[in-house]
N, C-alpha and C. Protein backbone atom coordinates (compact mmCIF):
# COMPACT_ATOMS: atom_id res chain seq x y z
N UNK A 1 -116.24 98.79 205.06
CA UNK A 1 -115.35 97.79 205.37
C UNK A 1 -115.84 96.32 204.90
N UNK A 2 -117.11 95.95 205.12
CA UNK A 2 -117.81 94.77 204.69
C UNK A 2 -119.00 95.17 204.16
N UNK A 3 -119.43 94.26 203.33
CA UNK A 3 -120.71 94.42 202.49
C UNK A 3 -121.95 93.95 203.30
N UNK A 4 -122.85 94.73 203.15
CA UNK A 4 -124.24 94.31 203.77
C UNK A 4 -124.80 93.29 202.90
N UNK A 5 -125.04 92.07 203.42
CA UNK A 5 -125.53 90.93 202.68
C UNK A 5 -126.90 90.48 203.08
N UNK A 6 -127.77 90.13 202.20
CA UNK A 6 -129.10 89.75 202.47
C UNK A 6 -129.01 88.24 202.97
N UNK A 7 -129.55 88.16 204.14
CA UNK A 7 -129.49 86.86 204.90
C UNK A 7 -130.52 85.89 204.25
N UNK A 8 -131.65 86.47 203.90
CA UNK A 8 -132.70 85.58 203.26
C UNK A 8 -132.27 85.00 202.01
N UNK A 9 -131.61 85.92 201.09
CA UNK A 9 -131.12 85.47 199.83
C UNK A 9 -130.05 84.45 199.96
N UNK A 10 -129.21 84.59 200.96
CA UNK A 10 -128.09 83.69 201.09
C UNK A 10 -128.77 82.27 201.63
N UNK A 11 -129.68 82.34 202.43
CA UNK A 11 -130.36 81.16 202.86
C UNK A 11 -130.99 80.42 201.76
N UNK A 12 -131.71 81.07 200.91
CA UNK A 12 -132.30 80.52 199.86
C UNK A 12 -131.36 79.90 198.80
N UNK A 13 -130.25 80.76 198.55
CA UNK A 13 -129.24 80.17 197.62
C UNK A 13 -128.56 78.89 198.14
N UNK A 14 -128.36 78.89 199.42
CA UNK A 14 -127.62 77.68 200.09
C UNK A 14 -128.56 76.56 199.92
N UNK A 15 -129.90 76.73 200.19
CA UNK A 15 -130.83 75.62 200.04
C UNK A 15 -130.97 75.13 198.62
N UNK A 16 -131.14 76.07 197.69
CA UNK A 16 -131.23 75.69 196.28
C UNK A 16 -130.08 74.94 195.75
N UNK A 17 -128.84 75.28 196.10
CA UNK A 17 -127.75 74.76 195.57
C UNK A 17 -127.11 73.56 196.46
N UNK A 18 -128.13 73.12 197.30
CA UNK A 18 -127.73 71.93 198.09
C UNK A 18 -126.48 72.03 199.00
N UNK A 19 -126.41 73.32 199.51
CA UNK A 19 -125.15 73.61 200.36
C UNK A 19 -123.93 74.04 199.81
N UNK A 20 -123.87 74.05 198.39
CA UNK A 20 -122.51 74.58 197.76
C UNK A 20 -122.44 76.02 197.89
N UNK A 21 -123.56 76.79 197.91
CA UNK A 21 -123.34 78.22 198.06
C UNK A 21 -123.03 78.48 199.68
N UNK A 22 -123.29 77.59 200.52
CA UNK A 22 -122.91 77.71 201.92
C UNK A 22 -121.39 77.69 202.09
N UNK A 23 -120.73 77.03 201.26
CA UNK A 23 -119.22 77.02 201.27
C UNK A 23 -118.65 78.39 200.95
N UNK A 24 -119.33 78.94 199.98
CA UNK A 24 -118.97 80.44 199.54
C UNK A 24 -119.31 81.39 200.84
N UNK A 25 -120.43 81.21 201.34
CA UNK A 25 -120.80 82.02 202.46
C UNK A 25 -119.91 81.84 203.67
N UNK A 26 -119.39 80.63 203.83
CA UNK A 26 -118.46 80.34 204.91
C UNK A 26 -117.22 81.21 204.76
N UNK A 27 -116.62 81.21 203.48
CA UNK A 27 -115.45 81.97 203.07
C UNK A 27 -115.72 83.42 203.23
N UNK A 28 -116.88 83.95 202.86
CA UNK A 28 -117.14 85.39 203.06
C UNK A 28 -117.34 85.68 204.51
N UNK A 29 -117.86 85.04 205.27
CA UNK A 29 -118.08 85.21 206.76
C UNK A 29 -116.71 85.23 207.35
N UNK A 30 -115.90 84.40 206.94
CA UNK A 30 -114.54 84.38 207.68
C UNK A 30 -113.81 85.54 207.29
N UNK A 31 -113.71 85.86 205.99
CA UNK A 31 -112.97 87.01 205.53
C UNK A 31 -113.63 88.34 206.16
N UNK A 32 -114.80 88.38 206.18
CA UNK A 32 -115.52 89.61 206.75
C UNK A 32 -115.28 89.80 208.22
N UNK A 33 -115.24 88.71 208.85
CA UNK A 33 -114.78 88.80 210.33
C UNK A 33 -113.42 89.16 210.67
N UNK A 34 -112.51 88.65 209.77
CA UNK A 34 -111.17 89.04 209.88
C UNK A 34 -110.97 90.54 209.57
N UNK A 35 -111.82 91.10 208.58
CA UNK A 35 -111.77 92.54 208.34
C UNK A 35 -112.20 93.43 209.54
N UNK A 36 -113.41 93.05 210.06
CA UNK A 36 -114.05 93.71 211.15
C UNK A 36 -113.22 93.67 212.34
N UNK A 37 -112.59 92.56 212.72
CA UNK A 37 -111.74 92.48 213.91
C UNK A 37 -110.37 92.92 213.65
N UNK A 38 -110.14 93.40 212.45
CA UNK A 38 -108.83 93.98 212.03
C UNK A 38 -107.68 92.97 212.34
N UNK A 39 -107.97 91.69 211.81
CA UNK A 39 -107.00 90.71 211.79
C UNK A 39 -106.88 90.03 210.51
N UNK A 40 -106.39 90.94 209.51
CA UNK A 40 -106.26 90.37 208.06
C UNK A 40 -105.32 89.24 207.91
N UNK A 41 -104.47 89.01 208.98
CA UNK A 41 -103.46 87.82 208.69
C UNK A 41 -103.97 86.63 209.35
N UNK A 42 -105.22 86.59 209.95
CA UNK A 42 -105.85 85.37 210.30
C UNK A 42 -105.99 84.38 209.18
N UNK A 43 -106.44 83.15 209.48
CA UNK A 43 -106.65 82.19 208.45
C UNK A 43 -107.64 82.64 207.48
N UNK A 44 -107.50 82.46 206.14
CA UNK A 44 -108.43 82.82 205.10
C UNK A 44 -109.46 81.87 204.92
N UNK A 45 -110.50 82.26 204.37
CA UNK A 45 -111.69 81.53 204.03
C UNK A 45 -111.36 80.25 203.33
N UNK A 46 -110.61 80.40 202.34
CA UNK A 46 -110.14 79.17 201.59
C UNK A 46 -109.58 78.09 202.49
N UNK A 47 -108.68 78.52 203.25
CA UNK A 47 -107.98 77.49 204.10
C UNK A 47 -109.03 76.84 205.03
N UNK A 48 -109.91 77.77 205.54
CA UNK A 48 -110.98 77.13 206.43
C UNK A 48 -111.82 76.03 205.74
N UNK A 49 -112.11 76.35 204.51
CA UNK A 49 -112.93 75.37 203.70
C UNK A 49 -112.18 74.15 203.47
N UNK A 50 -110.89 74.21 202.98
CA UNK A 50 -109.96 73.12 202.80
C UNK A 50 -109.79 72.34 204.07
N UNK A 51 -109.55 72.84 205.23
CA UNK A 51 -109.35 72.13 206.41
C UNK A 51 -110.77 71.40 206.87
N UNK A 52 -111.96 72.05 206.57
CA UNK A 52 -113.20 71.47 206.89
C UNK A 52 -113.35 70.18 205.98
N UNK A 53 -112.97 70.34 204.78
CA UNK A 53 -113.07 69.10 203.87
C UNK A 53 -112.12 67.97 204.34
N UNK A 54 -110.92 68.32 204.56
CA UNK A 54 -109.89 67.33 204.84
C UNK A 54 -110.33 66.66 206.29
N UNK A 55 -110.86 67.44 207.10
CA UNK A 55 -111.29 66.74 208.48
C UNK A 55 -112.60 66.23 208.40
N UNK A 56 -113.32 66.07 207.39
CA UNK A 56 -114.71 65.74 207.20
C UNK A 56 -115.66 66.55 208.10
N UNK A 57 -115.41 67.88 208.08
CA UNK A 57 -116.33 68.75 208.88
C UNK A 57 -116.00 68.98 210.23
N UNK A 58 -115.14 68.37 210.80
CA UNK A 58 -114.83 68.58 212.19
C UNK A 58 -114.21 69.98 212.41
N UNK A 59 -113.36 70.35 211.54
CA UNK A 59 -112.71 71.61 211.59
C UNK A 59 -113.87 72.73 211.56
N UNK A 60 -114.89 72.48 210.77
CA UNK A 60 -115.99 73.39 210.67
C UNK A 60 -116.68 73.60 211.99
N UNK A 61 -116.69 72.71 212.91
CA UNK A 61 -117.28 72.88 214.20
C UNK A 61 -116.30 73.80 214.92
N UNK A 62 -115.09 73.57 214.87
CA UNK A 62 -113.99 74.48 215.67
C UNK A 62 -114.16 75.87 215.04
N UNK A 63 -114.25 76.00 213.68
CA UNK A 63 -114.34 77.39 213.11
C UNK A 63 -115.63 78.22 213.54
N UNK A 64 -116.78 77.36 213.53
CA UNK A 64 -118.03 77.98 214.23
C UNK A 64 -117.69 78.49 215.56
N UNK A 65 -117.03 77.75 216.29
CA UNK A 65 -116.80 78.23 217.78
C UNK A 65 -115.94 79.40 217.82
N UNK A 66 -114.86 79.41 217.15
CA UNK A 66 -113.87 80.51 217.03
C UNK A 66 -114.46 81.73 216.40
N UNK A 67 -115.45 81.65 215.45
CA UNK A 67 -116.08 82.84 214.92
C UNK A 67 -116.91 83.51 216.00
N UNK A 68 -117.60 82.59 216.81
CA UNK A 68 -118.44 83.08 217.84
C UNK A 68 -117.55 83.92 218.85
N UNK A 69 -116.34 83.28 219.27
CA UNK A 69 -115.52 84.02 220.16
C UNK A 69 -115.11 85.28 219.60
N UNK A 70 -114.73 85.41 218.26
CA UNK A 70 -114.17 86.65 217.70
C UNK A 70 -115.24 87.73 217.81
N UNK A 71 -116.50 87.33 217.40
CA UNK A 71 -117.66 88.25 217.36
C UNK A 71 -118.09 88.75 218.70
N UNK A 72 -117.97 87.71 219.71
CA UNK A 72 -118.34 88.07 221.08
C UNK A 72 -117.33 89.14 221.66
N UNK A 73 -115.96 88.81 221.35
CA UNK A 73 -115.02 89.73 221.85
C UNK A 73 -115.20 91.08 221.21
N UNK A 74 -115.57 91.16 220.01
CA UNK A 74 -115.79 92.46 219.30
C UNK A 74 -116.98 93.23 219.98
N UNK A 75 -117.97 92.46 220.38
CA UNK A 75 -119.30 93.16 220.91
C UNK A 75 -119.25 93.12 222.42
N UNK A 76 -118.29 92.42 223.04
CA UNK A 76 -118.33 92.35 224.52
C UNK A 76 -119.39 91.44 225.04
N UNK A 77 -119.75 90.42 224.27
CA UNK A 77 -120.69 89.39 224.77
C UNK A 77 -119.85 88.12 225.10
N UNK A 78 -120.54 87.09 225.52
CA UNK A 78 -119.86 85.96 225.82
C UNK A 78 -120.63 84.59 225.73
N UNK A 79 -121.64 84.53 224.80
CA UNK A 79 -122.40 83.49 224.68
C UNK A 79 -122.62 82.83 223.33
N UNK A 80 -122.19 83.37 222.36
CA UNK A 80 -122.49 83.03 220.92
C UNK A 80 -121.54 81.69 220.47
N UNK A 81 -120.38 81.74 221.03
CA UNK A 81 -119.51 80.58 220.56
C UNK A 81 -120.12 79.27 220.83
N UNK A 82 -120.59 79.02 222.03
CA UNK A 82 -121.23 77.80 222.26
C UNK A 82 -122.43 77.53 221.51
N UNK A 83 -123.30 78.50 221.27
CA UNK A 83 -124.42 78.39 220.38
C UNK A 83 -124.07 77.96 219.03
N UNK A 84 -123.08 78.70 218.36
CA UNK A 84 -122.64 78.28 217.05
C UNK A 84 -122.11 76.85 216.90
N UNK A 85 -121.33 76.55 218.04
CA UNK A 85 -120.85 75.12 218.06
C UNK A 85 -121.96 74.05 218.05
N UNK A 86 -122.93 74.31 218.97
CA UNK A 86 -123.93 73.23 219.08
C UNK A 86 -124.77 73.35 217.81
N UNK A 87 -125.06 74.47 217.16
CA UNK A 87 -125.85 74.40 215.84
C UNK A 87 -125.13 73.63 214.85
N UNK A 88 -123.82 73.81 214.77
CA UNK A 88 -123.07 73.15 213.77
C UNK A 88 -122.94 71.60 214.05
N UNK A 89 -122.83 71.21 215.23
CA UNK A 89 -122.73 69.86 215.61
C UNK A 89 -124.02 69.05 215.18
N UNK A 90 -125.16 69.83 215.33
CA UNK A 90 -126.48 69.30 214.84
C UNK A 90 -126.76 69.49 213.43
N UNK A 91 -125.84 69.95 212.65
CA UNK A 91 -125.96 70.09 211.18
C UNK A 91 -126.83 71.38 210.86
N UNK A 92 -126.86 72.36 211.64
CA UNK A 92 -127.73 73.55 211.40
C UNK A 92 -126.73 74.68 211.25
N UNK A 93 -125.74 74.45 210.35
CA UNK A 93 -124.72 75.52 209.97
C UNK A 93 -125.37 76.81 209.51
N UNK A 94 -126.45 76.53 208.63
CA UNK A 94 -127.17 77.53 207.98
C UNK A 94 -127.66 78.63 209.00
N UNK A 95 -128.05 78.20 210.20
CA UNK A 95 -128.61 79.05 211.21
C UNK A 95 -127.48 79.87 211.77
N UNK A 96 -126.41 79.14 212.13
CA UNK A 96 -125.18 79.96 212.69
C UNK A 96 -124.72 80.86 211.73
N UNK A 97 -124.62 80.59 210.39
CA UNK A 97 -124.19 81.43 209.37
C UNK A 97 -125.05 82.79 209.35
N UNK A 98 -126.36 82.55 209.48
CA UNK A 98 -127.39 83.64 209.30
C UNK A 98 -127.14 84.60 210.60
N UNK A 99 -126.92 84.01 211.82
CA UNK A 99 -126.77 84.72 212.97
C UNK A 99 -125.37 85.52 212.83
N UNK A 100 -124.38 84.93 212.34
CA UNK A 100 -123.10 85.58 212.15
C UNK A 100 -123.25 86.79 211.11
N UNK A 101 -123.96 86.44 210.08
CA UNK A 101 -124.16 87.54 209.04
C UNK A 101 -124.92 88.66 209.66
N UNK A 102 -125.85 88.43 210.41
CA UNK A 102 -126.62 89.39 211.07
C UNK A 102 -125.76 90.45 211.89
N UNK A 103 -124.89 89.76 212.62
CA UNK A 103 -123.90 90.50 213.52
C UNK A 103 -122.96 91.33 212.63
N UNK A 104 -122.50 90.72 211.48
CA UNK A 104 -121.51 91.36 210.57
C UNK A 104 -122.22 92.53 209.75
N UNK A 105 -123.49 92.37 209.65
CA UNK A 105 -124.24 93.45 208.76
C UNK A 105 -124.17 94.68 209.53
N UNK A 106 -124.01 94.63 210.80
CA UNK A 106 -123.95 95.99 211.65
C UNK A 106 -122.78 96.67 211.38
N UNK A 107 -121.82 96.02 210.77
CA UNK A 107 -120.43 96.65 210.54
C UNK A 107 -120.22 96.91 209.04
N UNK A 108 -121.31 96.96 208.28
CA UNK A 108 -121.30 97.12 206.90
C UNK A 108 -120.99 98.56 206.46
N UNK A 109 -120.78 98.75 205.23
CA UNK A 109 -120.36 100.00 204.66
C UNK A 109 -121.70 100.92 204.53
N UNK A 110 -122.71 100.49 204.99
CA UNK A 110 -123.95 101.20 204.95
C UNK A 110 -123.77 102.39 205.80
N UNK A 111 -124.14 103.60 205.37
CA UNK A 111 -123.97 104.75 206.13
C UNK A 111 -124.86 104.79 207.33
N UNK A 112 -125.93 104.05 207.32
CA UNK A 112 -126.89 103.90 208.44
C UNK A 112 -126.56 102.87 209.42
N UNK A 113 -125.48 102.18 209.21
CA UNK A 113 -125.11 101.11 210.22
C UNK A 113 -124.64 101.64 211.53
N UNK A 114 -124.71 100.76 212.53
CA UNK A 114 -124.23 101.23 213.88
C UNK A 114 -122.85 100.75 214.13
N UNK A 115 -121.94 100.89 213.15
CA UNK A 115 -120.60 100.34 213.28
C UNK A 115 -119.81 101.29 214.41
N UNK A 116 -119.01 100.51 215.17
CA UNK A 116 -118.34 101.29 216.18
C UNK A 116 -117.15 102.13 215.79
N UNK A 117 -116.84 102.20 214.44
CA UNK A 117 -115.65 102.93 214.02
C UNK A 117 -116.03 103.82 212.73
């Protein structure tokens, strides 16, 4: 369903490209979360990036919070949304992306993954 992505590689690429690769990572995280939560009609990653640019990053804060809510609902937890929001407010989006990717890697097409379906 989703691809198992190397968190370390994505962090390095985001740092080397001064955040440009982070935009792609945001799109992929959004689309993978939509696929895992089985909500393909939710907002696409391109729209998320566009709205983040238009609102000078404020929508990105909201997106981080909503991603946390979606992943929490999927796993039955209730604390990641606030963590992702606080990290993004302080400019640490790369950390929240890495945490999201770690959670999404559990649902990858890898036959050894612990996916619930």
